[in-house]
Amino acid sequence: MRAASCLSLAALVAFGCSSAEGPASAGPDVPSPFSEASSPLEREVDPQVDPTVLSAVVEGNTEFAFDLFRQSAAADVN
């Protein structure tokens, strides 16, 4: 029984993954309703930030995250 189940599963996977018509097409070209926004400025990959400022930002972000979590957890909705 177990061998028959394994054989059936292997056949299903093999036939399910193959296509008699060849590879699937990408479909019709549909224009996107969105546009990409980008800046002409070069990205600063190594910003020099004062450690006290960085610590304050991290503390503020953490406080915000916990406040948001508490507020959403207190709400009796899904």
PDB file of N, CA and C in Angstrom:
ATOM      1  N   MET A   1       0.826  -1.185   0.000  1.00  0.00           N
ATOM      2  CA  MET A   1       0.000   0.000   0.000  1.00  0.00           C
ATOM      3  C   MET A   1       0.870   1.248   0.000  1.00  0.00           C
ATOM      4  N   ARG A   2       1.917   1.239   0.833  1.00  0.00           N
ATOM      5  CA  ARG A   2       2.788   2.409   0.922  1.00  0.00           C
ATOM      6  C   ARG A   2       3.546   2.623  -0.385  1.00  0.00           C
ATOM      7  N   ALA A   3       3.981   1.533  -1.009  1.00  0.00           N
ATOM      8  CA  ALA A   3       4.702   1.637  -2.278  1.00  0.00           C
ATOM      9  C   ALA A   3       3.790   2.196  -3.363  1.00  0.00           C
ATOM     10  N   ALA A   4       2.531   1.791  -3.353  1.00  0.00           N
ATOM     11  CA  ALA A   4       1.582   2.292  -4.349  1.00  0.00           C
ATOM     12  C   ALA A   4       1.332   3.782  -4.150  1.00  0.00           C
ATOM     13  N   SER A   5       1.251   4.211  -2.905  1.00  0.00           N
ATOM     14  CA  SER A   5       1.052   5.635  -2.618  1.00  0.00           C
ATOM     15  C   SER A   5       2.246   6.453  -3.071  1.00  0.00           C
ATOM     16  N   CYS A   6       3.441   5.959  -2.794  1.00  0.00           N
ATOM     17  CA  CYS A   6       4.659   6.669  -3.205  1.00  0.00           C
ATOM     18  C   CYS A   6       4.765   6.729  -4.718  1.00  0.00           C
ATOM     19  N   LEU A   7       4.421   5.627  -5.383  1.00  0.00           N
ATOM     20  CA  LEU A   7       4.468   5.586  -6.844  1.00  0.00           C
ATOM     21  C   LEU A   7       3.440   6.542  -7.441  1.00  0.00           C
ATOM     22  N   SER A   8       2.260   6.582  -6.857  1.00  0.00           N
ATOM     23  CA  SER A   8       1.226   7.505  -7.336  1.00  0.00           C
ATOM     24  C   SER A   8       1.661   8.953  -7.159  1.00  0.00           C
ATOM     25  N   LEU A   9       2.257   9.258  -6.028  1.00  0.00           N
ATOM     26  CA  LEU A   9       2.733  10.611  -5.767  1.00  0.00           C
ATOM     27  C   LEU A   9       3.836  10.997  -6.740  1.00  0.00           C
ATOM     28  N   ALA A  10       4.763  10.088  -6.992  1.00  0.00           N
ATOM     29  CA  ALA A  10       5.851  10.362  -7.934  1.00  0.00           C
ATOM     30  C   ALA A  10       5.309  10.595  -9.338  1.00  0.00           C
ATOM     31  N   ALA A  11       4.330   9.805  -9.754  1.00  0.00           N
ATOM     32  CA  ALA A  11       3.731   9.982 -11.084  1.00  0.00           C
ATOM     33  C   ALA A  11       2.993  11.308 -11.171  1.00  0.00           C
ATOM     34  N   LEU A  12       2.284  11.664 -10.129  1.00  0.00           N
ATOM     35  CA  LEU A  12       1.553  12.924 -10.101  1.00  0.00           C
ATOM     36  C   LEU A  12       2.503  14.106 -10.215  1.00  0.00           C
ATOM     37  N   VAL A  13       3.599  14.060  -9.479  1.00  0.00           N
ATOM     38  CA  VAL A  13       4.590  15.133  -9.536  1.00  0.00           C
ATOM     39  C   VAL A  13       5.226  15.198 -10.917  1.00  0.00           C
ATOM     40  N   ALA A  14       5.580  14.045 -11.472  1.00  0.00           N
ATOM     41  CA  ALA A  14       6.232  14.011 -12.786  1.00  0.00           C
ATOM     42  C   ALA A  14       5.315  14.544 -13.876  1.00  0.00           C
ATOM     43  N   PHE A  15       4.071  14.125 -13.876  1.00  0.00           N
ATOM     44  CA  PHE A  15       3.151  14.577 -14.919  1.00  0.00           C
ATOM     45  C   PHE A  15       2.646  15.994 -14.650  1.00  0.00           C
ATOM     46  N   GLY A  16       2.564  16.374 -13.410  1.00  0.00           N
ATOM     47  CA  GLY A  16       2.111  17.723 -13.079  1.00  0.00           C
ATOM     48  C   GLY A  16       3.142  18.782 -13.399  1.00  0.00           C
ATOM     49  N   CYS A  17       4.408  18.407 -13.409  1.00  0.00           N
ATOM     50  CA  CYS A  17       5.473  19.365 -13.680  1.00  0.00           C
ATOM     51  C   CYS A  17       5.826  19.459 -15.151  1.00  0.00           C
ATOM     52  N   SER A  18       5.298  18.565 -15.966  1.00  0.00           N
ATOM     53  CA  SER A  18       5.629  18.608 -17.389  1.00  0.00           C
ATOM     54  C   SER A  18       4.516  19.293 -18.154  1.00  0.00           C
ATOM     55  N   SER A  19       4.857  19.776 -19.339  1.00  0.00           N
ATOM     56  CA  SER A  19       3.881  20.453 -20.162  1.00  0.00           C
ATOM     57  C   SER A  19       3.989  19.936 -21.585  1.00  0.00           C
ATOM     58  N   ALA A  20       2.879  19.540 -22.156  1.00  0.00           N
ATOM     59  CA  ALA A  20       2.880  19.053 -23.529  1.00  0.00           C
ATOM     60  C   ALA A  20       3.005  20.204 -24.519  1.00  0.00           C
ATOM     61  N   GLU A  21       2.698  21.421 -24.084  1.00  0.00           N
ATOM     62  CA  GLU A  21       2.711  22.573 -24.969  1.00  0.00           C
ATOM     63  C   GLU A  21       4.015  23.349 -24.903  1.00  0.00           C
ATOM     64  N   GLY A  22       4.957  22.939 -24.138  1.00  0.00           N
ATOM     65  CA  GLY A  22       6.201  23.687 -23.996  1.00  0.00           C
ATOM     66  C   GLY A  22       6.116  24.642 -22.818  1.00  0.00           C
ATOM     67  N   PRO A  23       7.091  25.515 -22.713  1.00  0.00           N
ATOM     68  CA  PRO A  23       7.110  26.424 -21.569  1.00  0.00           C
ATOM     69  C   PRO A  23       5.945  27.408 -21.613  1.00  0.00           C
ATOM     70  N   ALA A  24       5.506  27.800 -20.450  1.00  0.00           N
ATOM     71  CA  ALA A  24       4.399  28.737 -20.351  1.00  0.00           C
ATOM     72  C   ALA A  24       4.838  30.113 -20.827  1.00  0.00           C
ATOM     73  N   SER A  25       3.922  30.816 -21.447  1.00  0.00           N
ATOM     74  CA  SER A  25       4.252  32.163 -21.911  1.00  0.00           C
ATOM     75  C   SER A  25       4.078  33.147 -20.766  1.00  0.00           C
ATOM     76  N   ALA A  26       4.674  34.300 -20.913  1.00  0.00           N
ATOM     77  CA  ALA A  26       4.599  35.327 -19.881  1.00  0.00           C
ATOM     78  C   ALA A  26       3.234  35.986 -19.860  1.00  0.00           C
ATOM     79  N   GLY A  27       2.452  35.809 -20.890  1.00  0.00           N
ATOM     80  CA  GLY A  27       1.135  36.414 -20.944  1.00  0.00           C
ATOM     81  C   GLY A  27       1.187  37.734 -21.681  1.00  0.00           C
ATOM     82  N   PRO A  28       0.052  38.376 -21.813  1.00  0.00           N
ATOM     83  CA  PRO A  28       0.022  39.639 -22.553  1.00  0.00           C
ATOM     84  C   PRO A  28       0.717  40.751 -21.774  1.00  0.00           C
ATOM     85  N   ASP A  29       1.250  41.711 -22.512  1.00  0.00           N
ATOM     86  CA  ASP A  29       1.878  42.868 -21.871  1.00  0.00           C
ATOM     87  C   ASP A  29       0.792  43.809 -21.375  1.00  0.00           C
ATOM     88  N   VAL A  30       0.698  43.915 -20.064  1.00  0.00           N
ATOM     89  CA  VAL A  30      -0.291  44.790 -19.450  1.00  0.00           C
ATOM     90  C   VAL A  30       0.454  45.958 -18.830  1.00  0.00           C
ATOM     91  N   PRO A  31       0.093  47.183 -19.186  1.00  0.00           N
ATOM     92  CA  PRO A  31       0.801  48.325 -18.604  1.00  0.00           C
ATOM     93  C   PRO A  31       0.536  48.425 -17.104  1.00  0.00           C
ATOM     94  N   SER A  32       1.573  48.747 -16.371  1.00  0.00           N
ATOM     95  CA  SER A  32       1.458  48.868 -14.920  1.00  0.00           C
ATOM     96  C   SER A  32       0.832  50.209 -14.562  1.00  0.00           C
ATOM     97  N   PRO A  33      -0.080  50.224 -13.583  1.00  0.00           N
ATOM     98  CA  PRO A  33      -0.667  51.500 -13.170  1.00  0.00           C
ATOM     99  C   PRO A  33       0.277  52.301 -12.270  1.00  0.00           C
ATOM    100  N   PHE A  34       1.440  51.737 -11.960  1.00  0.00           N
ATOM    101  CA  PHE A  34       2.380  52.390 -11.059  1.00  0.00           C
ATOM    102  C   PHE A  34       3.617  52.836 -11.821  1.00  0.00           C
ATOM    103  N   SER A  35       4.257  53.863 -11.312  1.00  0.00           N
ATOM    104  CA  SER A  35       5.522  54.296 -11.897  1.00  0.00           C
ATOM    105  C   SER A  35       6.595  54.219 -10.816  1.00  0.00           C
ATOM    106  N   GLU A  36       7.821  54.129 -11.244  1.00  0.00           N
ATOM    107  CA  GLU A  36       8.935  54.009 -10.309  1.00  0.00           C
ATOM    108  C   GLU A  36       9.463  55.394  -9.963  1.00  0.00           C
ATOM    109  N   ALA A  37       9.609  55.653  -8.687  1.00  0.00           N
ATOM    110  CA  ALA A  37      10.181  56.917  -8.236  1.00  0.00           C
ATOM    111  C   ALA A  37      11.617  56.665  -7.814  1.00  0.00           C
ATOM    112  N   SER A  38      12.530  57.437  -8.343  1.00  0.00           N
ATOM    113  CA  SER A  38      13.928  57.280  -7.966  1.00  0.00           C
ATOM    114  C   SER A  38      14.573  58.656  -7.862  1.00  0.00           C
ATOM    115  N   SER A  39      15.606  58.721  -7.074  1.00  0.00           N
ATOM    116  CA  SER A  39      16.319  59.971  -6.844  1.00  0.00           C
ATOM    117  C   SER A  39      17.568  60.018  -7.706  1.00  0.00           C
ATOM    118  N   PRO A  40      17.914  61.190  -8.204  1.00  0.00           N
ATOM    119  CA  PRO A  40      19.154  61.308  -8.965  1.00  0.00           C
ATOM    120  C   PRO A  40      20.385  61.348  -8.056  1.00  0.00           C
ATOM    121  N   LEU A  41      20.166  61.456  -6.746  1.00  0.00           N
ATOM    122  CA  LEU A  41      21.276  61.541  -5.800  1.00  0.00           C
ATOM    123  C   LEU A  41      21.895  60.169  -5.567  1.00  0.00           C
ATOM    124  N   GLU A  42      23.187  60.166  -5.281  1.00  0.00           N
ATOM    125  CA  GLU A  42      23.887  58.920  -4.999  1.00  0.00           C
ATOM    126  C   GLU A  42      23.569  58.473  -3.574  1.00  0.00           C
ATOM    127  N   ARG A  43      23.398  57.169  -3.379  1.00  0.00           N
ATOM    128  CA  ARG A  43      23.082  56.626  -2.057  1.00  0.00           C
ATOM    129  C   ARG A  43      24.298  56.726  -1.146  1.00  0.00           C
ATOM    130  N   GLU A  44      24.060  57.181   0.087  1.00  0.00           N
ATOM    131  CA  GLU A  44      25.131  57.249   1.075  1.00  0.00           C
ATOM    132  C   GLU A  44      25.147  55.924   1.828  1.00  0.00           C
ATOM    133  N   VAL A  45      26.152  55.097   1.549  1.00  0.00           N
ATOM    134  CA  VAL A  45      26.178  53.745   2.093  1.00  0.00           C
ATOM    135  C   VAL A  45      26.823  53.663   3.474  1.00  0.00           C
ATOM    136  N   ASP A  46      27.591  54.663   3.862  1.00  0.00           N
ATOM    137  CA  ASP A  46      28.251  54.633   5.169  1.00  0.00           C
ATOM    138  C   ASP A  46      28.088  55.987   5.858  1.00  0.00           C
ATOM    139  N   PRO A  47      26.857  56.306   6.297  1.00  0.00           N
ATOM    140  CA  PRO A  47      26.648  57.611   6.924  1.00  0.00           C
ATOM    141  C   PRO A  47      27.325  57.683   8.293  1.00  0.00           C
ATOM    142  N   GLN A  48      27.880  58.814   8.598  1.00  0.00           N
ATOM    143  CA  GLN A  48      28.510  59.037   9.899  1.00  0.00           C
ATOM    144  C   GLN A  48      27.466  59.667  10.818  1.00  0.00           C
ATOM    145  N   VAL A  49      26.997  58.894  11.792  1.00  0.00           N
ATOM    146  CA  VAL A  49      25.938  59.339  12.691  1.00  0.00           C
ATOM    147  C   VAL A  49      26.485  59.368  14.106  1.00  0.00           C
ATOM    148  N   ASP A  50      26.145  60.440  14.812  1.00  0.00           N
ATOM    149  CA  ASP A  50      26.557  60.573  16.210  1.00  0.00           C
ATOM    150  C   ASP A  50      25.912  59.435  17.016  1.00  0.00           C
ATOM    151  N   PRO A  51      26.686  58.711  17.817  1.00  0.00           N
ATOM    152  CA  PRO A  51      26.130  57.577  18.579  1.00  0.00           C
ATOM    153  C   PRO A  51      24.962  57.956  19.484  1.00  0.00           C
ATOM    154  N   THR A  52      24.968  59.157  20.052  1.00  0.00           N
ATOM    155  CA  THR A  52      23.844  59.553  20.917  1.00  0.00           C
ATOM    156  C   THR A  52      22.573  59.762  20.093  1.00  0.00           C
ATOM    157  N   VAL A  53      22.728  60.299  18.882  1.00  0.00           N
ATOM    158  CA  VAL A  53      21.571  60.481  18.000  1.00  0.00           C
ATOM    159  C   VAL A  53      21.040  59.119  17.566  1.00  0.00           C
ATOM    160  N   LEU A  54      21.936  58.222  17.201  1.00  0.00           N
ATOM    161  CA  LEU A  54      21.528  56.877  16.793  1.00  0.00           C
ATOM    162  C   LEU A  54      20.797  56.166  17.924  1.00  0.00           C
ATOM    163  N   SER A  55      21.311  56.292  19.129  1.00  0.00           N
ATOM    164  CA  SER A  55      20.676  55.662  20.283  1.00  0.00           C
ATOM    165  C   SER A  55      19.278  56.230  20.512  1.00  0.00           C
ATOM    166  N   ALA A  56      19.122  57.539  20.350  1.00  0.00           N
ATOM    167  CA  ALA A  56      17.813  58.167  20.533  1.00  0.00           C
ATOM    168  C   ALA A  56      16.827  57.701  19.465  1.00  0.00           C
ATOM    169  N   VAL A  57      17.292  57.566  18.235  1.00  0.00           N
ATOM    170  CA  VAL A  57      16.419  57.095  17.154  1.00  0.00           C
ATOM    171  C   VAL A  57      15.982  55.654  17.412  1.00  0.00           C
ATOM    172  N   VAL A  58      16.913  54.809  17.813  1.00  0.00           N
ATOM    173  CA  VAL A  58      16.581  53.408  18.104  1.00  0.00           C
ATOM    174  C   VAL A  58      15.594  53.330  19.260  1.00  0.00           C
ATOM    175  N   GLU A  59      15.806  54.118  20.293  1.00  0.00           N
ATOM    176  CA  GLU A  59      14.900  54.116  21.443  1.00  0.00           C
ATOM    177  C   GLU A  59      13.502  54.575  21.035  1.00  0.00           C
ATOM    178  N   GLY A  60      13.429  55.620  20.222  1.00  0.00           N
ATOM    179  CA  GLY A  60      12.133  56.113  19.756  1.00  0.00           C
ATOM    180  C   GLY A  60      11.414  55.099  18.886  1.00  0.00           C
ATOM    181  N   ASN A  61      12.154  54.462  17.982  1.00  0.00           N
ATOM    182  CA  ASN A  61      11.547  53.444  17.125  1.00  0.00           C
ATOM    183  C   ASN A  61      11.037  52.262  17.938  1.00  0.00           C
ATOM    184  N   THR A  62      11.808  51.850  18.926  1.00  0.00           N
ATOM    185  CA  THR A  62      11.406  50.727  19.778  1.00  0.00           C
ATOM    186  C   THR A  62      10.163  51.080  20.580  1.00  0.00           C
ATOM    187  N   GLU A  63      10.140  52.282  21.134  1.00  0.00           N
ATOM    188  CA  GLU A  63       8.984  52.723  21.914  1.00  0.00           C
ATOM    189  C   GLU A  63       7.736  52.775  21.029  1.00  0.00           C
ATOM    190  N   PHE A  64       7.893  53.308  19.825  1.00  0.00           N
ATOM    191  CA  PHE A  64       6.771  53.364  18.888  1.00  0.00           C
ATOM    192  C   PHE A  64       6.254  51.960  18.567  1.00  0.00           C
ATOM    193  N   ALA A  65       7.167  51.033  18.308  1.00  0.00           N
ATOM    194  CA  ALA A  65       6.769  49.672  17.949  1.00  0.00           C
ATOM    195  C   ALA A  65       6.003  49.003  19.085  1.00  0.00           C
ATOM    196  N   PHE A  66       6.484  49.156  20.310  1.00  0.00           N
ATOM    197  CA  PHE A  66       5.790  48.537  21.440  1.00  0.00           C
ATOM    198  C   PHE A  66       4.449  49.203  21.705  1.00  0.00           C
ATOM    199  N   ASP A  67       4.373  50.528  21.558  1.00  0.00           N
ATOM    200  CA  ASP A  67       3.086  51.214  21.727  1.00  0.00           C
ATOM    201  C   ASP A  67       2.079  50.744  20.682  1.00  0.00           C
ATOM    202  N   LEU A  68       2.536  50.615  19.447  1.00  0.00           N
ATOM    203  CA  LEU A  68       1.660  50.142  18.375  1.00  0.00           C
ATOM    204  C   LEU A  68       1.201  48.714  18.650  1.00  0.00           C
ATOM    205  N   PHE A  69       2.119  47.872  19.117  1.00  0.00           N
ATOM    206  CA  PHE A  69       1.760  46.489  19.438  1.00  0.00           C
ATOM    207  C   PHE A  69       0.737  46.440  20.564  1.00  0.00           C
ATOM    208  N   ARG A  70       0.967  47.208  21.626  1.00  0.00           N
ATOM    209  CA  ARG A  70       0.025  47.211  22.755  1.00  0.00           C
ATOM    210  C   ARG A  70      -1.355  47.679  22.310  1.00  0.00           C
ATOM    211  N   GLN A  71      -1.393  48.716  21.479  1.00  0.00           N
ATOM    212  CA  GLN A  71      -2.666  49.248  21.012  1.00  0.00           C
ATOM    213  C   GLN A  71      -3.390  48.233  20.130  1.00  0.00           C
ATOM    214  N   SER A  72      -2.670  47.578  19.246  1.00  0.00           N
ATOM    215  CA  SER A  72      -3.321  46.603  18.368  1.00  0.00           C
ATOM    216  C   SER A  72      -3.693  45.335  19.130  1.00  0.00           C
ATOM    217  N   ALA A  73      -2.917  44.959  20.138  1.00  0.00           N
ATOM    218  CA  ALA A  73      -3.242  43.771  20.929  1.00  0.00           C
ATOM    219  C   ALA A  73      -4.443  44.027  21.825  1.00  0.00           C
ATOM    220  N   ALA A  74      -4.627  45.276  22.260  1.00  0.00           N
ATOM    221  CA  ALA A  74      -5.741  45.606  23.136  1.00  0.00           C
ATOM    222  C   ALA A  74      -7.061  45.650  22.371  1.00  0.00           C
ATOM    223  N   ALA A  75      -6.998  45.925  21.085  1.00  0.00           N
ATOM    224  CA  ALA A  75      -8.216  45.969  20.275  1.00  0.00           C
ATOM    225  C   ALA A  75      -8.769  44.556  20.138  1.00  0.00           C
ATOM    226  N   ASP A  76     -10.072  44.435  20.272  1.00  0.00           N
ATOM    227  CA  ASP A  76     -10.700  43.113  20.210  1.00  0.00           C
ATOM    228  C   ASP A  76     -11.209  42.840  18.798  1.00  0.00           C
ATOM    229  N   VAL A  77     -10.292  42.957  17.833  1.00  0.00           N
ATOM    230  CA  VAL A  77     -10.644  42.703  16.434  1.00  0.00           C
ATOM    231  C   VAL A  77      -9.602  41.791  15.827  1.00  0.00           C
ATOM    232  N   ASN A  78      -9.931  41.237  14.692  1.00  0.00           N
ATOM    233  CA  ASN A  78      -9.008  40.333  14.020  1.00  0.00           C
ATOM    234  C   ASN A  78      -7.982  41.101  13.260  1.00  0.00           C
TER     235      ASN A  78
END
